Amino acid sequence: MKLDIIGDIHGCFDELKELTIQLGYNWDDGNIPIHKDGRKLAFVGDLTDRGPHSLKVAETVWKLVDKGFAYYVPGNHCNKLYRFFKGNKVQHTHGLETTVAEFELLDQKRKQEISKQFIHLYENAPLHMVLDKGKLVIAHAGIREDLIGKNSKQVKTFVLYGDITGENNPDGSPVRRDWAKQYNGDAIIVYGHTPVKEVRKVNNTYNIDTGAVFGNKLTALRYPEFEIVSVPSKMPFVEEKF
């Protein structure tokens, strides 16, 4: 199994295209990235929000997954957009407002297409993915060893939001425990959710969310080579996010 696992994109479509080209993917066939050697892409969630082209990113990933060229697990922003598309009442905050603004510019037909695509993508995605005979796990915010392979409310909360304590930081974000420091499993866990300036390897875990939408870079981890490939972000740099 040969994968290129990409961190949180958050609507940074230009960076996604540049990164996949650097990884050897070609965009000529149906305007999606295909690798001549049969490598597949994998996405750790948070495709949308805050960046300039959220719907374009979401549609590209939907096409890739639908055609069997990629794997995808949802993030907390994906969950919120899914609830918006289902007609649930959600607050248009923390980046969702940018995706909703894009969506509102579309005509009714495109709105229906986009929402149907994303609902299909989300509803058919596992909360986390166990690949390569259990050697690799992809989960948006990570996962504890005892939760791998399980499907419960506890697993959903962990993979979407991390190991939260129930308390909030001054900015309203949840306080999270550093679960990776306690992880001692054999499976490699690749995740995102918490922006870091450089890929953070702790025990057998890799945080590959290098804050593309906050002006740092978009990163891929090549598996099984464990080579890190990044492209710089075009967004303004936001120091306090790291």
C-alpha atoms as a PDB file:
ATOM      1  CA  MET A   1       0.000   0.000   0.000  1.00  0.00           C
ATOM      2  CA  LYS A   2       1.441   3.352  -1.087  1.00  0.00           C
ATOM      3  CA  LEU A   3      -0.289   6.476   0.170  1.00  0.00           C
ATOM      4  CA  ASP A   4       0.225  10.208   0.321  1.00  0.00           C
ATOM      5  CA  ILE A   5      -1.596  11.403   3.437  1.00  0.00           C
ATOM      6  CA  ILE A   6      -2.464  15.115   3.393  1.00  0.00           C
ATOM      7  CA  GLY A   7      -3.072  17.304   6.442  1.00  0.00           C
ATOM      8  CA  ASP A   8      -5.949  19.723   7.087  1.00  0.00           C
ATOM      9  CA  ILE A   9      -6.603  21.653   3.846  1.00  0.00           C
ATOM     10  CA  HIS A  10      -9.284  24.091   5.065  1.00  0.00           C
ATOM     11  CA  GLY A  11     -10.180  25.354   1.596  1.00  0.00           C
ATOM     12  CA  CYS A  12      -6.595  25.926   0.391  1.00  0.00           C
ATOM     13  CA  PHE A  13      -7.210  24.437  -3.048  1.00  0.00           C
ATOM     14  CA  ASP A  14      -4.211  26.044  -4.803  1.00  0.00           C
ATOM     15  CA  GLU A  15      -1.873  24.561  -2.205  1.00  0.00           C
ATOM     16  CA  LEU A  16      -3.567  21.154  -2.585  1.00  0.00           C
ATOM     17  CA  LYS A  17      -3.002  21.236  -6.338  1.00  0.00           C
ATOM     18  CA  GLU A  18       0.615  22.340  -5.963  1.00  0.00           C
ATOM     19  CA  LEU A  19       1.332  19.685  -3.335  1.00  0.00           C
ATOM     20  CA  THR A  20      -0.178  16.827  -5.326  1.00  0.00           C
ATOM     21  CA  ILE A  21       1.762  17.855  -8.447  1.00  0.00           C
ATOM     22  CA  GLN A  22       4.944  17.857  -6.353  1.00  0.00           C
ATOM     23  CA  LEU A  23       4.012  14.358  -5.177  1.00  0.00           C
ATOM     24  CA  GLY A  24       3.813  13.186  -8.802  1.00  0.00           C
ATOM     25  CA  TYR A  25       0.058  13.403  -9.434  1.00  0.00           C
ATOM     26  CA  ASN A  26      -1.370  14.540 -12.758  1.00  0.00           C
ATOM     27  CA  TRP A  27      -4.549  16.640 -12.984  1.00  0.00           C
ATOM     28  CA  ASP A  28      -5.341  16.078 -16.671  1.00  0.00           C
ATOM     29  CA  ASP A  29      -7.868  13.262 -16.206  1.00  0.00           C
ATOM     30  CA  GLY A  30     -11.198  14.750 -15.131  1.00  0.00           C
ATOM     31  CA  ASN A  31      -9.454  17.557 -13.244  1.00  0.00           C
ATOM     32  CA  ILE A  32      -8.544  15.335 -10.292  1.00  0.00           C
ATOM     33  CA  PRO A  33      -5.043  14.243  -9.202  1.00  0.00           C
ATOM     34  CA  ILE A  34      -4.115  10.735 -10.431  1.00  0.00           C
ATOM     35  CA  HIS A  35      -0.730   9.075  -9.871  1.00  0.00           C
ATOM     36  CA  LYS A  36       0.789   7.096 -12.737  1.00  0.00           C
ATOM     37  CA  ASP A  37       2.269   4.544 -10.305  1.00  0.00           C
ATOM     38  CA  GLY A  38      -1.069   3.880  -8.606  1.00  0.00           C
ATOM     39  CA  ARG A  39      -0.353   5.731  -5.366  1.00  0.00           C
ATOM     40  CA  LYS A  40      -3.479   6.904  -3.565  1.00  0.00           C
ATOM     41  CA  LEU A  41      -4.226  10.010  -1.551  1.00  0.00           C
ATOM     42  CA  ALA A  42      -5.617  10.039   1.978  1.00  0.00           C
ATOM     43  CA  PHE A  43      -7.148  13.006   3.776  1.00  0.00           C
ATOM     44  CA  VAL A  44      -7.262  13.520   7.552  1.00  0.00           C
ATOM     45  CA  GLY A  45     -10.389  15.701   7.458  1.00  0.00           C
ATOM     46  CA  ASP A  46     -11.135  19.417   7.760  1.00  0.00           C
ATOM     47  CA  LEU A  47     -11.298  19.928   4.010  1.00  0.00           C
ATOM     48  CA  THR A  48     -13.228  23.183   4.359  1.00  0.00           C
ATOM     49  CA  ASP A  49     -13.632  26.465   6.268  1.00  0.00           C
ATOM     50  CA  ARG A  50     -11.482  29.584   6.601  1.00  0.00           C
ATOM     51  CA  GLY A  51      -9.699  29.184   3.244  1.00  0.00           C
ATOM     52  CA  PRO A  52     -10.784  30.635  -0.119  1.00  0.00           C
ATOM     53  CA  HIS A  53     -11.923  27.511  -2.038  1.00  0.00           C
ATOM     54  CA  SER A  54     -13.618  25.153   0.397  1.00  0.00           C
ATOM     55  CA  LEU A  55     -16.247  23.826  -1.992  1.00  0.00           C
ATOM     56  CA  LYS A  56     -13.657  23.124  -4.697  1.00  0.00           C
ATOM     57  CA  VAL A  57     -11.589  21.107  -2.217  1.00  0.00           C
ATOM     58  CA  ALA A  58     -14.661  19.199  -1.011  1.00  0.00           C
ATOM     59  CA  GLU A  59     -15.792  18.382  -4.550  1.00  0.00           C
ATOM     60  CA  THR A  60     -12.301  17.214  -5.551  1.00  0.00           C
ATOM     61  CA  VAL A  61     -12.071  14.871  -2.559  1.00  0.00           C
ATOM     62  CA  TRP A  62     -15.596  13.568  -3.207  1.00  0.00           C
ATOM     63  CA  LYS A  63     -14.614  12.731  -6.821  1.00  0.00           C
ATOM     64  CA  LEU A  64     -11.401  11.020  -5.716  1.00  0.00           C
ATOM     65  CA  VAL A  65     -13.086   8.902  -3.061  1.00  0.00           C
ATOM     66  CA  ASP A  66     -16.039   8.101  -5.344  1.00  0.00           C
ATOM     67  CA  LYS A  67     -13.648   6.798  -8.026  1.00  0.00           C
ATOM     68  CA  GLY A  68     -11.560   4.823  -5.543  1.00  0.00           C
ATOM     69  CA  PHE A  69      -8.459   7.020  -5.816  1.00  0.00           C
ATOM     70  CA  ALA A  70      -8.424   8.284  -2.220  1.00  0.00           C
ATOM     71  CA  TYR A  71      -9.321   7.650   1.404  1.00  0.00           C
ATOM     72  CA  TYR A  72     -11.011  10.182   3.667  1.00  0.00           C
ATOM     73  CA  VAL A  73     -11.918  10.503   7.330  1.00  0.00           C
ATOM     74  CA  PRO A  74     -13.981  13.463   8.553  1.00  0.00           C
ATOM     75  CA  GLY A  75     -12.841  16.244  10.854  1.00  0.00           C
ATOM     76  CA  ASN A  76     -14.830  18.457  13.189  1.00  0.00           C
ATOM     77  CA  HIS A  77     -15.270  21.104  10.467  1.00  0.00           C
ATOM     78  CA  CYS A  78     -16.547  18.382   8.100  1.00  0.00           C
ATOM     79  CA  ASN A  79     -19.045  17.334  10.759  1.00  0.00           C
ATOM     80  CA  LYS A  80     -20.315  20.890  11.143  1.00  0.00           C
ATOM     81  CA  LEU A  81     -20.642  21.427   7.376  1.00  0.00           C
ATOM     82  CA  TYR A  82     -22.486  18.105   7.103  1.00  0.00           C
ATOM     83  CA  ARG A  83     -24.976  19.254   9.747  1.00  0.00           C
ATOM     84  CA  PHE A  84     -25.400  22.561   7.861  1.00  0.00           C
ATOM     85  CA  PHE A  85     -26.133  20.722   4.598  1.00  0.00           C
ATOM     86  CA  LYS A  86     -28.634  18.470   6.411  1.00  0.00           C
ATOM     87  CA  GLY A  87     -30.525  21.594   7.480  1.00  0.00           C
ATOM     88  CA  ASN A  88     -29.565  21.464  11.161  1.00  0.00           C
ATOM     89  CA  LYS A  89     -29.127  24.662  13.096  1.00  0.00           C
ATOM     90  CA  VAL A  90     -25.386  25.356  13.399  1.00  0.00           C
ATOM     91  CA  GLN A  91     -23.497  28.521  14.247  1.00  0.00           C
ATOM     92  CA  HIS A  92     -21.770  30.092  11.252  1.00  0.00           C
ATOM     93  CA  THR A  93     -18.558  30.647  13.197  1.00  0.00           C
ATOM     94  CA  HIS A  94     -14.968  29.335  13.432  1.00  0.00           C
ATOM     95  CA  GLY A  95     -14.643  29.296   9.635  1.00  0.00           C
ATOM     96  CA  LEU A  96     -17.974  27.814   8.571  1.00  0.00           C
ATOM     97  CA  GLU A  97     -19.092  31.325   7.608  1.00  0.00           C
ATOM     98  CA  THR A  98     -16.556  31.354   4.723  1.00  0.00           C
ATOM     99  CA  THR A  99     -17.848  28.065   3.303  1.00  0.00           C
ATOM    100  CA  VAL A 100     -21.477  29.181   3.676  1.00  0.00           C
ATOM    101  CA  ALA A 101     -20.633  32.453   1.882  1.00  0.00           C
ATOM    102  CA  GLU A 102     -19.216  30.452  -1.064  1.00  0.00           C
ATOM    103  CA  PHE A 103     -22.267  28.197  -1.038  1.00  0.00           C
ATOM    104  CA  GLU A 104     -24.736  31.097  -1.075  1.00  0.00           C
ATOM    105  CA  LEU A 105     -23.185  32.416  -4.321  1.00  0.00           C
ATOM    106  CA  LEU A 106     -24.177  29.248  -6.204  1.00  0.00           C
ATOM    107  CA  ASP A 107     -27.352  28.747  -8.189  1.00  0.00           C
ATOM    108  CA  GLN A 108     -29.929  26.291  -6.845  1.00  0.00           C
ATOM    109  CA  LYS A 109     -28.799  23.393  -9.045  1.00  0.00           C
ATOM    110  CA  ARG A 110     -25.159  23.678  -7.961  1.00  0.00           C
ATOM    111  CA  LYS A 111     -26.221  24.031  -4.323  1.00  0.00           C
ATOM    112  CA  GLN A 112     -28.078  20.737  -4.583  1.00  0.00           C
ATOM    113  CA  GLU A 113     -25.147  19.026  -6.324  1.00  0.00           C
ATOM    114  CA  ILE A 114     -22.555  20.234  -3.816  1.00  0.00           C
ATOM    115  CA  SER A 115     -24.628  19.424  -0.735  1.00  0.00           C
ATOM    116  CA  LYS A 116     -25.558  15.971  -2.100  1.00  0.00           C
ATOM    117  CA  GLN A 117     -21.893  15.206  -2.862  1.00  0.00           C
ATOM    118  CA  PHE A 118     -20.674  16.235   0.569  1.00  0.00           C
ATOM    119  CA  ILE A 119     -23.455  14.432   2.425  1.00  0.00           C
ATOM    120  CA  HIS A 120     -22.569  11.272   0.468  1.00  0.00           C
ATOM    121  CA  LEU A 121     -18.844  11.709   1.205  1.00  0.00           C
ATOM    122  CA  TYR A 122     -19.443  12.251   4.919  1.00  0.00           C
ATOM    123  CA  GLU A 123     -22.031   9.525   5.452  1.00  0.00           C
ATOM    124  CA  ASN A 124     -19.853   6.916   3.747  1.00  0.00           C
ATOM    125  CA  ALA A 125     -16.668   7.834   5.610  1.00  0.00           C
ATOM    126  CA  PRO A 126     -15.528   5.840   8.651  1.00  0.00           C
ATOM    127  CA  LEU A 127     -14.760   7.851  11.797  1.00  0.00           C
ATOM    128  CA  HIS A 128     -11.195   6.570  11.535  1.00  0.00           C
ATOM    129  CA  MET A 129      -9.477   4.248   9.106  1.00  0.00           C
ATOM    130  CA  VAL A 130      -7.350   1.190   9.865  1.00  0.00           C
ATOM    131  CA  LEU A 131      -5.192   0.356   6.845  1.00  0.00           C
ATOM    132  CA  ASP A 132      -2.325  -1.906   5.752  1.00  0.00           C
ATOM    133  CA  LYS A 133      -3.335  -4.857   7.963  1.00  0.00           C
ATOM    134  CA  GLY A 134      -3.524  -2.669  11.056  1.00  0.00           C
ATOM    135  CA  LYS A 135      -0.125  -1.043  10.617  1.00  0.00           C
ATOM    136  CA  LEU A 136      -1.588   2.407   9.816  1.00  0.00           C
ATOM    137  CA  VAL A 137      -4.447   4.372  11.367  1.00  0.00           C
ATOM    138  CA  ILE A 138      -5.751   7.691  10.034  1.00  0.00           C
ATOM    139  CA  ALA A 139      -7.917   9.759  12.395  1.00  0.00           C
ATOM    140  CA  HIS A 140      -8.588  13.491  12.250  1.00  0.00           C
ATOM    141  CA  ALA A 141      -7.625  14.404  15.828  1.00  0.00           C
ATOM    142  CA  GLY A 142      -5.883  11.119  16.617  1.00  0.00           C
ATOM    143  CA  ILE A 143      -7.073   8.135  18.608  1.00  0.00           C
ATOM    144  CA  ARG A 144      -6.125   6.217  21.747  1.00  0.00           C
ATOM    145  CA  GLU A 145      -4.852   2.675  21.267  1.00  0.00           C
ATOM    146  CA  ASP A 146      -7.802   1.119  23.146  1.00  0.00           C
ATOM    147  CA  LEU A 147     -10.280   2.856  20.819  1.00  0.00           C
ATOM    148  CA  ILE A 148      -8.765   1.717  17.489  1.00  0.00           C
ATOM    149  CA  GLY A 149     -11.248  -0.282  15.426  1.00  0.00           C
ATOM    150  CA  LYS A 150     -14.185   0.673  17.624  1.00  0.00           C
ATOM    151  CA  ASN A 151     -17.216   2.755  16.720  1.00  0.00           C
ATOM    152  CA  SER A 152     -18.942   4.586  19.575  1.00  0.00           C
ATOM    153  CA  LYS A 153     -19.878   8.049  20.778  1.00  0.00           C
ATOM    154  CA  GLN A 154     -16.590   8.167  22.696  1.00  0.00           C
ATOM    155  CA  VAL A 155     -14.628   7.310  19.530  1.00  0.00           C
ATOM    156  CA  LYS A 156     -16.517   9.948  17.538  1.00  0.00           C
ATOM    157  CA  THR A 157     -15.765  12.655  20.113  1.00  0.00           C
ATOM    158  CA  PHE A 158     -12.089  11.673  20.287  1.00  0.00           C
ATOM    159  CA  VAL A 159     -11.406  11.483  16.543  1.00  0.00           C
ATOM    160  CA  LEU A 160     -13.264  14.735  15.792  1.00  0.00           C
ATOM    161  CA  TYR A 161     -12.121  16.899  18.708  1.00  0.00           C
ATOM    162  CA  GLY A 162      -9.175  15.147  20.392  1.00  0.00           C
ATOM    163  CA  ASP A 163      -8.801  14.077  23.997  1.00  0.00           C
ATOM    164  CA  ILE A 164     -10.898  16.902  25.442  1.00  0.00           C
ATOM    165  CA  THR A 165     -11.221  17.525  29.178  1.00  0.00           C
ATOM    166  CA  GLY A 166     -14.605  19.241  29.106  1.00  0.00           C
ATOM    167  CA  GLU A 167     -13.038  22.587  29.982  1.00  0.00           C
ATOM    168  CA  ASN A 168     -12.470  25.541  27.642  1.00  0.00           C
ATOM    169  CA  ASN A 169      -9.497  27.799  26.959  1.00  0.00           C
ATOM    170  CA  PRO A 170      -9.972  31.604  27.231  1.00  0.00           C
ATOM    171  CA  ASP A 171     -10.660  31.768  23.456  1.00  0.00           C
ATOM    172  CA  GLY A 172     -13.493  29.256  23.810  1.00  0.00           C
ATOM    173  CA  SER A 173     -11.599  26.310  22.299  1.00  0.00           C
ATOM    174  CA  PRO A 174     -11.668  23.029  24.257  1.00  0.00           C
ATOM    175  CA  VAL A 175      -8.774  22.082  26.528  1.00  0.00           C
ATOM    176  CA  ARG A 176      -7.144  18.927  25.127  1.00  0.00           C
ATOM    177  CA  ARG A 177      -4.828  16.368  26.693  1.00  0.00           C
ATOM    178  CA  ASP A 178      -1.684  15.454  24.738  1.00  0.00           C
ATOM    179  CA  TRP A 179      -2.760  11.873  24.025  1.00  0.00           C
ATOM    180  CA  ALA A 180       0.212  11.222  21.695  1.00  0.00           C
ATOM    181  CA  LYS A 181       2.671  11.351  24.615  1.00  0.00           C
ATOM    182  CA  GLN A 182       0.899   8.399  26.234  1.00  0.00           C
ATOM    183  CA  TYR A 183       0.505   6.381  23.019  1.00  0.00           C
ATOM    184  CA  ASN A 184       2.644   3.247  22.916  1.00  0.00           C
ATOM    185  CA  GLY A 185       0.907   1.180  20.253  1.00  0.00           C
ATOM    186  CA  ASP A 186       2.559  -0.489  17.259  1.00  0.00           C
ATOM    187  CA  ALA A 187       0.248   1.064  14.637  1.00  0.00           C
ATOM    188  CA  ILE A 188       1.358   4.334  13.085  1.00  0.00           C
ATOM    189  CA  ILE A 189      -1.287   7.010  13.727  1.00  0.00           C
ATOM    190  CA  VAL A 190      -1.459   9.931  11.290  1.00  0.00           C
ATOM    191  CA  TYR A 191      -3.671  12.848  12.269  1.00  0.00           C
ATOM    192  CA  GLY A 192      -4.113  16.635  12.163  1.00  0.00           C
ATOM    193  CA  HIS A 193      -6.565  18.990  13.905  1.00  0.00           C
ATOM    194  CA  THR A 194      -4.007  20.928  15.999  1.00  0.00           C
ATOM    195  CA  PRO A 195      -1.789  23.181  13.829  1.00  0.00           C
ATOM    196  CA  VAL A 196       1.976  22.762  14.229  1.00  0.00           C
ATOM    197  CA  LYS A 197       4.767  24.628  12.426  1.00  0.00           C
ATOM    198  CA  GLU A 198       6.574  21.374  11.611  1.00  0.00           C
ATOM    199  CA  VAL A 199       5.291  17.799  11.462  1.00  0.00           C
ATOM    200  CA  ARG A 200       5.221  16.537  15.053  1.00  0.00           C
ATOM    201  CA  LYS A 201       6.393  12.949  15.521  1.00  0.00           C
ATOM    202  CA  VAL A 202       5.743  11.592  19.008  1.00  0.00           C
ATOM    203  CA  ASN A 203       6.060   7.850  19.663  1.00  0.00           C
ATOM    204  CA  ASN A 204       4.327   6.215  16.664  1.00  0.00           C
ATOM    205  CA  THR A 205       2.182   9.266  15.832  1.00  0.00           C
ATOM    206  CA  TYR A 206       2.494  11.989  13.212  1.00  0.00           C
ATOM    207  CA  ASN A 207       0.596  15.299  13.393  1.00  0.00           C
ATOM    208  CA  ILE A 208       0.645  16.567   9.796  1.00  0.00           C
ATOM    209  CA  ASP A 209      -1.593  19.650  10.179  1.00  0.00           C
ATOM    210  CA  THR A 210       1.033  22.299   9.431  1.00  0.00           C
ATOM    211  CA  GLY A 211      -1.476  25.140   9.371  1.00  0.00           C
ATOM    212  CA  ALA A 212      -1.951  25.788   5.646  1.00  0.00           C
ATOM    213  CA  VAL A 213      -4.907  28.075   6.291  1.00  0.00           C
ATOM    214  CA  PHE A 214      -2.910  30.015   8.898  1.00  0.00           C
ATOM    215  CA  GLY A 215      -0.141  30.875   6.437  1.00  0.00           C
ATOM    216  CA  ASN A 216       2.384  28.130   7.204  1.00  0.00           C
ATOM    217  CA  LYS A 217       2.334  25.180   4.784  1.00  0.00           C
ATOM    218  CA  LEU A 218       0.324  22.208   3.511  1.00  0.00           C
ATOM    219  CA  THR A 219       1.998  18.894   4.206  1.00  0.00           C
ATOM    220  CA  ALA A 220       1.810  15.296   3.039  1.00  0.00           C
ATOM    221  CA  LEU A 221       3.317  12.241   4.707  1.00  0.00           C
ATOM    222  CA  ARG A 222       4.283   9.551   2.212  1.00  0.00           C
ATOM    223  CA  TYR A 223       3.575   6.017   3.401  1.00  0.00           C
ATOM    224  CA  PRO A 224       5.401   3.654   3.825  1.00  0.00           C
ATOM    225  CA  GLU A 225       8.416   5.868   3.073  1.00  0.00           C
ATOM    226  CA  PHE A 226       7.630   8.351   5.897  1.00  0.00           C
ATOM    227  CA  GLU A 227       8.915  11.137   3.682  1.00  0.00           C
ATOM    228  CA  ILE A 228       7.494  14.582   4.445  1.00  0.00           C
ATOM    229  CA  VAL A 229       6.591  16.835   1.487  1.00  0.00           C
ATOM    230  CA  SER A 230       5.255  20.389   1.970  1.00  0.00           C
ATOM    231  CA  VAL A 231       4.353  23.448  -0.056  1.00  0.00           C
ATOM    232  CA  PRO A 232       4.168  26.991   1.367  1.00  0.00           C
ATOM    233  CA  SER A 233       0.779  28.540   2.055  1.00  0.00           C
ATOM    234  CA  LYS A 234      -0.489  31.575   0.156  1.00  0.00           C
ATOM    235  CA  MET A 235      -2.487  32.701   3.192  1.00  0.00           C
ATOM    236  CA  PRO A 236      -1.282  35.391   5.649  1.00  0.00           C
ATOM    237  CA  PHE A 237       0.710  33.966   8.560  1.00  0.00           C
ATOM    238  CA  VAL A 238      -1.097  33.879  11.931  1.00  0.00           C
ATOM    239  CA  GLU A 239       1.565  33.394  14.636  1.00  0.00           C
ATOM    240  CA  GLU A 240      -0.836  32.891  17.563  1.00  0.00           C
ATOM    241  CA  LYS A 241      -2.321  29.738  15.972  1.00  0.00           C
ATOM    242  CA  PHE A 242       0.888  27.781  16.551  1.00  0.00           C
END
